[in-house]
């Protein structure tokens, strides 16, 4: 039985940092949304029915936050809606008609048998006998949050009807931290796990939010047939009929692994003149301080006294 429509929502302003809580927009007050909030459930194919983000006993059920009226995905499980990311990646990994399935959180060993980390999703193609004939790795990159999002989340959960549009502008407003997402998460994943998969000549896909992808350096694109890596870029669209955000593929970018890794991990140089100017200013200050110290020393009178 389809769920009843939620009451007419109030106009959303930029005052609230929360877009989705336990899979539903904060303004959605339907019985279904209330059931998910009340039982702390995850609708996006988590390993268990409940949300487990941050703390299993007290989960931080924020799936996405608002940034300039855009819903930005902050939980990697949020990307699993309808398993669109899996079918999109399989389209790149395998020929049409291949039999495949997905395995989540697969440990990847390095040369010495030590763990290089877990791959978010491995797509495995198999033959009629159930034997592995090919596979590809799918990494999911949500966006880190700068600021404390648990405080407004807990305030909202204390009374969703009252605080669906909580004004948080006077506090430390939580916002996406794209730099940390790139340098602390995405780059190490590509270096350690991606490096192993590339050495094994296996294809790799990265699923990420459009707003995050737009902050990355411009990648050198190639034809799909020449690529060993694909960037699956997704957006969130609010469906008025469902009164829920729906995951949609915004773009597909095909690249080679090594040039893309170099672009992501290399910091582009600015004007050297600016750096030399800072060196000169520091040097001038140091020399000025040294001169002042010399001037302050007691002078000795070497004249001959009668």
Foldseek 3Di string as FASTA:
>chain_A
DDFDFFPDFDDADPQFFAQDFLFAGLRGPTPVNVVCLVVQAHPQPDVDRHACDPHNVDHRRGQFTDDPNFTAGADQSNVRHVPPVVVVVCPLADDPPFDKDKDAQQFDADPVRDTLGTFGIKIFTADPVRDTDAIETEHEQGFDKDDDPVVLSVVCSVPSVVCSRPRCPVDPRIDTDLVCSLPVPVLSCCVRVVVVCVVVVAAYEYEGEPVSVVPFPDADADDSVPARYKYFYWGWDQDNVRNGTDIDTDDIGGHHSPRRSCRSPDDDDDDVVVVVVVVVVVVVVVVVVVVVVVVPDDDDDPDDDD
